[in-house]
């Protein structure tokens, strides 16, 4: 098992506040309520490491967690209908400044709800990641809501959708029952190990 030691560091609302990038960073992106907190908790075998916001879409902050020898970076959720234009602009500025900074962008995990086709905001994010050549994989969430007979076909459908956008891999996961979590842990661990090798 990996990611045994995990601690919340802080939430940052301005890019200039972000801590020094002195280790690999695994970032997590997705629309509001897609299950980012549940996935992070499951990856770290913790129940309340990442807390679910009581007002989804309103908290435009980047949350940093020290996990073993890397950072987990929880990016603010997007696509929440009740967010004002000013909040959307603040979100855009925060995300852009994070990715444009000279940081260890080891791998991003883009979360998509496996029960629904990607939204317009999801597809915009995939295009953004592809355009800026940000290495990423897709974690399909809420696999526990599917029938066993749907798992293989759902994974294949999303692989076909995500491949043109430069996605490295698609993993079907559940933050509830742990489905696919060992596979995603292995993907993240390999990305960190590869960066460590390059640094040596």
C-alpha atoms as a PDB file:
ATOM      1  CA  UNK A   1       0.000   0.000   0.000  1.00  0.00           C
ATOM      2  CA  UNK A   2       1.226   3.483  -0.843  1.00  0.00           C
ATOM      3  CA  UNK A   3       0.331   6.948   0.420  1.00  0.00           C
ATOM      4  CA  UNK A   4       0.353   5.924   4.062  1.00  0.00           C
ATOM      5  CA  UNK A   5       1.336   9.253   5.597  1.00  0.00           C
ATOM      6  CA  UNK A   6      -1.004  12.128   4.730  1.00  0.00           C
ATOM      7  CA  UNK A   7      -1.535  15.529   6.320  1.00  0.00           C
ATOM      8  CA  UNK A   8      -3.536  18.573   5.302  1.00  0.00           C
ATOM      9  CA  UNK A   9      -1.294  21.627   4.916  1.00  0.00           C
ATOM     10  CA  UNK A  10      -3.478  24.596   3.982  1.00  0.00           C
ATOM     11  CA  UNK A  11      -5.930  26.128   1.516  1.00  0.00           C
ATOM     12  CA  UNK A  12      -4.654  28.822  -0.813  1.00  0.00           C
ATOM     13  CA  UNK A  13      -6.853  31.355  -2.604  1.00  0.00           C
ATOM     14  CA  UNK A  14      -4.042  33.294  -4.284  1.00  0.00           C
ATOM     15  CA  UNK A  15      -1.346  31.669  -6.391  1.00  0.00           C
ATOM     16  CA  UNK A  16       1.419  33.710  -4.750  1.00  0.00           C
ATOM     17  CA  UNK A  17       0.581  32.001  -1.447  1.00  0.00           C
ATOM     18  CA  UNK A  18       1.329  28.498  -2.719  1.00  0.00           C
ATOM     19  CA  UNK A  19       4.100  26.615  -0.919  1.00  0.00           C
ATOM     20  CA  UNK A  20       7.452  26.054  -2.573  1.00  0.00           C
ATOM     21  CA  UNK A  21       7.355  23.313  -5.185  1.00  0.00           C
ATOM     22  CA  UNK A  22      10.063  21.074  -3.753  1.00  0.00           C
ATOM     23  CA  UNK A  23       8.571  17.621  -4.484  1.00  0.00           C
ATOM     24  CA  UNK A  24       6.361  15.815  -7.000  1.00  0.00           C
ATOM     25  CA  UNK A  25       2.813  17.160  -7.201  1.00  0.00           C
ATOM     26  CA  UNK A  26      -0.219  15.009  -8.005  1.00  0.00           C
ATOM     27  CA  UNK A  27      -3.164  17.288  -8.718  1.00  0.00           C
ATOM     28  CA  UNK A  28      -6.885  16.470  -8.832  1.00  0.00           C
ATOM     29  CA  UNK A  29      -9.401  18.271 -11.025  1.00  0.00           C
ATOM     30  CA  UNK A  30     -13.125  17.835 -11.616  1.00  0.00           C
ATOM     31  CA  UNK A  31     -16.506  19.463 -11.502  1.00  0.00           C
ATOM     32  CA  UNK A  32     -18.202  20.185  -8.197  1.00  0.00           C
ATOM     33  CA  UNK A  33     -19.653  17.071  -6.513  1.00  0.00           C
ATOM     34  CA  UNK A  34     -17.815  14.612  -8.782  1.00  0.00           C
ATOM     35  CA  UNK A  35     -16.235  12.954  -5.732  1.00  0.00           C
ATOM     36  CA  UNK A  36     -12.738  14.445  -5.427  1.00  0.00           C
ATOM     37  CA  UNK A  37     -12.708  14.452  -1.629  1.00  0.00           C
ATOM     38  CA  UNK A  38     -13.939  10.851  -1.452  1.00  0.00           C
ATOM     39  CA  UNK A  39     -11.309   9.708  -3.942  1.00  0.00           C
ATOM     40  CA  UNK A  40      -8.448  11.471  -2.141  1.00  0.00           C
ATOM     41  CA  UNK A  41      -9.586  10.003   1.172  1.00  0.00           C
ATOM     42  CA  UNK A  42      -9.747   6.515  -0.328  1.00  0.00           C
ATOM     43  CA  UNK A  43      -6.314   6.814  -1.936  1.00  0.00           C
ATOM     44  CA  UNK A  44      -4.843   7.729   1.452  1.00  0.00           C
ATOM     45  CA  UNK A  45      -6.959   5.246   3.456  1.00  0.00           C
ATOM     46  CA  UNK A  46      -8.377   8.115   5.483  1.00  0.00           C
ATOM     47  CA  UNK A  47     -12.006   9.012   6.179  1.00  0.00           C
ATOM     48  CA  UNK A  48     -11.770  12.757   6.748  1.00  0.00           C
ATOM     49  CA  UNK A  49      -8.481  13.933   5.249  1.00  0.00           C
ATOM     50  CA  UNK A  50     -10.280  15.871   2.509  1.00  0.00           C
ATOM     51  CA  UNK A  51     -13.491  17.457   3.719  1.00  0.00           C
ATOM     52  CA  UNK A  52     -16.551  17.900   1.542  1.00  0.00           C
ATOM     53  CA  UNK A  53     -17.572  21.549   1.245  1.00  0.00           C
ATOM     54  CA  UNK A  54     -21.014  22.432   2.592  1.00  0.00           C
ATOM     55  CA  UNK A  55     -21.405  24.942  -0.251  1.00  0.00           C
ATOM     56  CA  UNK A  56     -20.034  23.272  -3.404  1.00  0.00           C
ATOM     57  CA  UNK A  57     -18.647  25.635  -5.986  1.00  0.00           C
ATOM     58  CA  UNK A  58     -18.188  28.539  -3.566  1.00  0.00           C
ATOM     59  CA  UNK A  59     -14.749  27.682  -2.236  1.00  0.00           C
ATOM     60  CA  UNK A  60     -12.253  28.784  -4.895  1.00  0.00           C
ATOM     61  CA  UNK A  61      -9.127  27.551  -3.153  1.00  0.00           C
ATOM     62  CA  UNK A  62      -6.355  25.064  -3.857  1.00  0.00           C
ATOM     63  CA  UNK A  63      -5.908  22.568  -1.039  1.00  0.00           C
ATOM     64  CA  UNK A  64      -2.464  21.075  -0.425  1.00  0.00           C
ATOM     65  CA  UNK A  65      -1.814  17.767   1.334  1.00  0.00           C
ATOM     66  CA  UNK A  66       1.609  16.371   2.212  1.00  0.00           C
ATOM     67  CA  UNK A  67       1.321  12.701   1.234  1.00  0.00           C
ATOM     68  CA  UNK A  68       4.444  10.606   1.794  1.00  0.00           C
ATOM     69  CA  UNK A  69       7.128  12.349  -0.287  1.00  0.00           C
ATOM     70  CA  UNK A  70       4.814  14.264  -2.605  1.00  0.00           C
ATOM     71  CA  UNK A  71       1.970  16.782  -2.596  1.00  0.00           C
ATOM     72  CA  UNK A  72      -1.649  15.993  -3.367  1.00  0.00           C
ATOM     73  CA  UNK A  73      -3.087  19.200  -4.841  1.00  0.00           C
ATOM     74  CA  UNK A  74      -6.889  19.433  -4.730  1.00  0.00           C
ATOM     75  CA  UNK A  75      -7.987  22.015  -7.281  1.00  0.00           C
ATOM     76  CA  UNK A  76     -11.328  23.829  -6.801  1.00  0.00           C
ATOM     77  CA  UNK A  77     -14.322  22.196  -8.443  1.00  0.00           C
ATOM     78  CA  UNK A  78     -15.763  23.781 -11.569  1.00  0.00           C
ATOM     79  CA  UNK A  79     -19.124  23.836 -13.311  1.00  0.00           C
ATOM     80  CA  UNK A  80     -21.342  24.730 -10.369  1.00  0.00           C
ATOM     81  CA  UNK A  81     -24.351  26.570 -11.809  1.00  0.00           C
ATOM     82  CA  UNK A  82     -24.836  29.074  -8.964  1.00  0.00           C
ATOM     83  CA  UNK A  83     -21.305  30.499  -9.117  1.00  0.00           C
ATOM     84  CA  UNK A  84     -21.097  34.141 -10.204  1.00  0.00           C
ATOM     85  CA  UNK A  85     -19.015  35.369 -13.130  1.00  0.00           C
ATOM     86  CA  UNK A  86     -16.588  36.950 -10.663  1.00  0.00           C
ATOM     87  CA  UNK A  87     -16.097  33.586  -8.933  1.00  0.00           C
ATOM     88  CA  UNK A  88     -15.574  31.892 -12.287  1.00  0.00           C
ATOM     89  CA  UNK A  89     -12.931  34.463 -13.219  1.00  0.00           C
ATOM     90  CA  UNK A  90     -11.183  33.966  -9.885  1.00  0.00           C
ATOM     91  CA  UNK A  91     -11.229  30.214 -10.469  1.00  0.00           C
ATOM     92  CA  UNK A  92      -9.748  30.660 -13.964  1.00  0.00           C
ATOM     93  CA  UNK A  93      -7.001  32.955 -12.668  1.00  0.00           C
ATOM     94  CA  UNK A  94      -6.109  30.566  -9.843  1.00  0.00           C
ATOM     95  CA  UNK A  95      -5.966  27.497 -12.085  1.00  0.00           C
ATOM     96  CA  UNK A  96      -4.023  29.246 -14.849  1.00  0.00           C
ATOM     97  CA  UNK A  97      -1.476  30.682 -12.438  1.00  0.00           C
ATOM     98  CA  UNK A  98      -1.017  27.264 -10.813  1.00  0.00           C
ATOM     99  CA  UNK A  99      -0.299  25.496 -14.095  1.00  0.00           C
ATOM    100  CA  UNK A 100       1.781  28.320 -15.544  1.00  0.00           C
ATOM    101  CA  UNK A 101       4.082  28.427 -12.508  1.00  0.00           C
ATOM    102  CA  UNK A 102       7.350  26.446 -12.666  1.00  0.00           C
ATOM    103  CA  UNK A 103       6.133  23.630 -10.410  1.00  0.00           C
ATOM    104  CA  UNK A 104       6.494  19.856 -10.335  1.00  0.00           C
ATOM    105  CA  UNK A 105       3.389  19.026 -12.377  1.00  0.00           C
ATOM    106  CA  UNK A 106       4.005  15.292 -12.082  1.00  0.00           C
ATOM    107  CA  UNK A 107       0.535  14.080 -13.020  1.00  0.00           C
ATOM    108  CA  UNK A 108      -3.031  15.370 -12.914  1.00  0.00           C
ATOM    109  CA  UNK A 109      -6.012  13.161 -12.156  1.00  0.00           C
ATOM    110  CA  UNK A 110      -9.066  14.420 -14.047  1.00  0.00           C
ATOM    111  CA  UNK A 111     -12.263  13.119 -12.446  1.00  0.00           C
ATOM    112  CA  UNK A 112     -15.325  12.310 -14.542  1.00  0.00           C
ATOM    113  CA  UNK A 113     -18.624  10.811 -13.383  1.00  0.00           C
ATOM    114  CA  UNK A 114     -18.868   7.420 -15.088  1.00  0.00           C
ATOM    115  CA  UNK A 115     -22.683   7.576 -15.146  1.00  0.00           C
ATOM    116  CA  UNK A 116     -22.870  10.580 -17.471  1.00  0.00           C
ATOM    117  CA  UNK A 117     -21.266  11.800 -20.672  1.00  0.00           C
ATOM    118  CA  UNK A 118     -18.637  14.506 -20.026  1.00  0.00           C
ATOM    119  CA  UNK A 119     -20.198  17.948 -19.614  1.00  0.00           C
ATOM    120  CA  UNK A 120     -19.191  20.986 -21.671  1.00  0.00           C
ATOM    121  CA  UNK A 121     -17.018  22.090 -18.716  1.00  0.00           C
ATOM    122  CA  UNK A 122     -15.392  18.639 -18.569  1.00  0.00           C
ATOM    123  CA  UNK A 123     -14.552  18.725 -22.265  1.00  0.00           C
ATOM    124  CA  UNK A 124     -13.190  22.256 -21.911  1.00  0.00           C
ATOM    125  CA  UNK A 125     -10.883  21.001 -19.153  1.00  0.00           C
ATOM    126  CA  UNK A 126      -9.701  18.082 -21.308  1.00  0.00           C
ATOM    127  CA  UNK A 127      -8.914  20.526 -24.114  1.00  0.00           C
ATOM    128  CA  UNK A 128      -7.082  22.784 -21.659  1.00  0.00           C
ATOM    129  CA  UNK A 129      -4.921  19.922 -20.375  1.00  0.00           C
ATOM    130  CA  UNK A 130      -4.170  18.723 -23.902  1.00  0.00           C
ATOM    131  CA  UNK A 131      -3.332  22.219 -25.188  1.00  0.00           C
ATOM    132  CA  UNK A 132      -0.966  22.957 -22.292  1.00  0.00           C
ATOM    133  CA  UNK A 133       0.568  19.454 -22.479  1.00  0.00           C
ATOM    134  CA  UNK A 134      -0.202  18.726 -18.847  1.00  0.00           C
ATOM    135  CA  UNK A 135       0.277  14.985 -18.256  1.00  0.00           C
ATOM    136  CA  UNK A 136      -2.926  13.476 -16.935  1.00  0.00           C
ATOM    137  CA  UNK A 137      -5.025  10.377 -16.420  1.00  0.00           C
ATOM    138  CA  UNK A 138      -8.793  10.158 -16.007  1.00  0.00           C
ATOM    139  CA  UNK A 139     -10.406   8.639 -12.918  1.00  0.00           C
ATOM    140  CA  UNK A 140     -14.007   7.685 -13.547  1.00  0.00           C
ATOM    141  CA  UNK A 141     -15.865   8.059 -10.247  1.00  0.00           C
ATOM    142  CA  UNK A 142     -18.931   6.357  -8.773  1.00  0.00           C
ATOM    143  CA  UNK A 143     -18.251   2.924 -10.281  1.00  0.00           C
ATOM    144  CA  UNK A 144     -20.270   1.452  -7.411  1.00  0.00           C
ATOM    145  CA  UNK A 145     -23.393   2.898  -9.076  1.00  0.00           C
ATOM    146  CA  UNK A 146     -22.906   0.725 -12.182  1.00  0.00           C
ATOM    147  CA  UNK A 147     -23.931  -2.869 -12.726  1.00  0.00           C
ATOM    148  CA  UNK A 148     -21.047  -5.316 -13.134  1.00  0.00           C
ATOM    149  CA  UNK A 149     -22.134  -5.872 -16.728  1.00  0.00           C
ATOM    150  CA  UNK A 150     -21.660  -2.144 -17.434  1.00  0.00           C
ATOM    151  CA  UNK A 151     -18.077  -1.763 -16.148  1.00  0.00           C
ATOM    152  CA  UNK A 152     -16.113  -2.898 -19.210  1.00  0.00           C
ATOM    153  CA  UNK A 153     -18.267  -1.074 -21.771  1.00  0.00           C
ATOM    154  CA  UNK A 154     -18.282   2.147 -19.714  1.00  0.00           C
ATOM    155  CA  UNK A 155     -14.494   2.102 -19.446  1.00  0.00           C
ATOM    156  CA  UNK A 156     -14.173   1.552 -23.193  1.00  0.00           C
ATOM    157  CA  UNK A 157     -16.563   4.393 -23.991  1.00  0.00           C
ATOM    158  CA  UNK A 158     -14.587   6.875 -21.895  1.00  0.00           C
ATOM    159  CA  UNK A 159     -11.272   5.660 -23.306  1.00  0.00           C
ATOM    160  CA  UNK A 160     -12.589   6.492 -26.787  1.00  0.00           C
ATOM    161  CA  UNK A 161     -13.774   9.922 -25.585  1.00  0.00           C
ATOM    162  CA  UNK A 162     -10.578  10.865 -23.751  1.00  0.00           C
ATOM    163  CA  UNK A 163      -7.936   9.471 -26.116  1.00  0.00           C
ATOM    164  CA  UNK A 164      -8.059  12.375 -28.628  1.00  0.00           C
ATOM    165  CA  UNK A 165      -7.293  14.781 -25.756  1.00  0.00           C
ATOM    166  CA  UNK A 166      -3.976  13.137 -24.887  1.00  0.00           C
ATOM    167  CA  UNK A 167      -5.198  11.177 -21.864  1.00  0.00           C
ATOM    168  CA  UNK A 168      -2.587   8.650 -20.718  1.00  0.00           C
ATOM    169  CA  UNK A 169      -4.970   6.216 -19.041  1.00  0.00           C
ATOM    170  CA  UNK A 170      -8.566   5.847 -17.834  1.00  0.00           C
ATOM    171  CA  UNK A 171      -9.240   4.102 -14.500  1.00  0.00           C
ATOM    172  CA  UNK A 172     -12.693   3.202 -13.227  1.00  0.00           C
ATOM    173  CA  UNK A 173     -12.906   3.926  -9.482  1.00  0.00           C
ATOM    174  CA  UNK A 174     -15.219   4.160  -6.501  1.00  0.00           C
ATOM    175  CA  UNK A 175     -14.604   6.266  -3.419  1.00  0.00           C
ATOM    176  CA  UNK A 176     -17.265   4.181  -1.673  1.00  0.00           C
ATOM    177  CA  UNK A 177     -16.202   0.554  -2.106  1.00  0.00           C
ATOM    178  CA  UNK A 178     -12.612   1.065  -3.258  1.00  0.00           C
ATOM    179  CA  UNK A 179     -13.069  -0.319  -6.767  1.00  0.00           C
ATOM    180  CA  UNK A 180     -10.038   0.553  -8.909  1.00  0.00           C
ATOM    181  CA  UNK A 181      -8.207   2.331  -6.087  1.00  0.00           C
ATOM    182  CA  UNK A 182      -5.161  -0.023  -6.079  1.00  0.00           C
ATOM    183  CA  UNK A 183      -4.817   0.460  -9.845  1.00  0.00           C
ATOM    184  CA  UNK A 184      -4.957   4.260  -9.530  1.00  0.00           C
ATOM    185  CA  UNK A 185      -2.490   4.161  -6.610  1.00  0.00           C
ATOM    186  CA  UNK A 186      -0.095   2.197  -8.800  1.00  0.00           C
ATOM    187  CA  UNK A 187      -0.419   4.754 -11.615  1.00  0.00           C
ATOM    188  CA  UNK A 188       0.302   7.656  -9.262  1.00  0.00           C
ATOM    189  CA  UNK A 189       3.162   5.834  -7.589  1.00  0.00           C
ATOM    190  CA  UNK A 190       4.763   5.089 -10.977  1.00  0.00           C
ATOM    191  CA  UNK A 191       4.516   8.764 -11.968  1.00  0.00           C
ATOM    192  CA  UNK A 192       6.245   9.853  -8.756  1.00  0.00           C
ATOM    193  CA  UNK A 193       8.929   7.181  -9.175  1.00  0.00           C
ATOM    194  CA  UNK A 194       9.570   8.297 -12.766  1.00  0.00           C
ATOM    195  CA  UNK A 195      10.058  11.903 -11.685  1.00  0.00           C
ATOM    196  CA  UNK A 196      12.410  10.808  -8.906  1.00  0.00           C
ATOM    197  CA  UNK A 197      14.480   8.885 -11.452  1.00  0.00           C
ATOM    198  CA  UNK A 198      14.707  11.906 -13.738  1.00  0.00           C
ATOM    199  CA  UNK A 199      15.879  14.054 -10.820  1.00  0.00           C
ATOM    200  CA  UNK A 200      18.749  11.708  -9.969  1.00  0.00           C
END
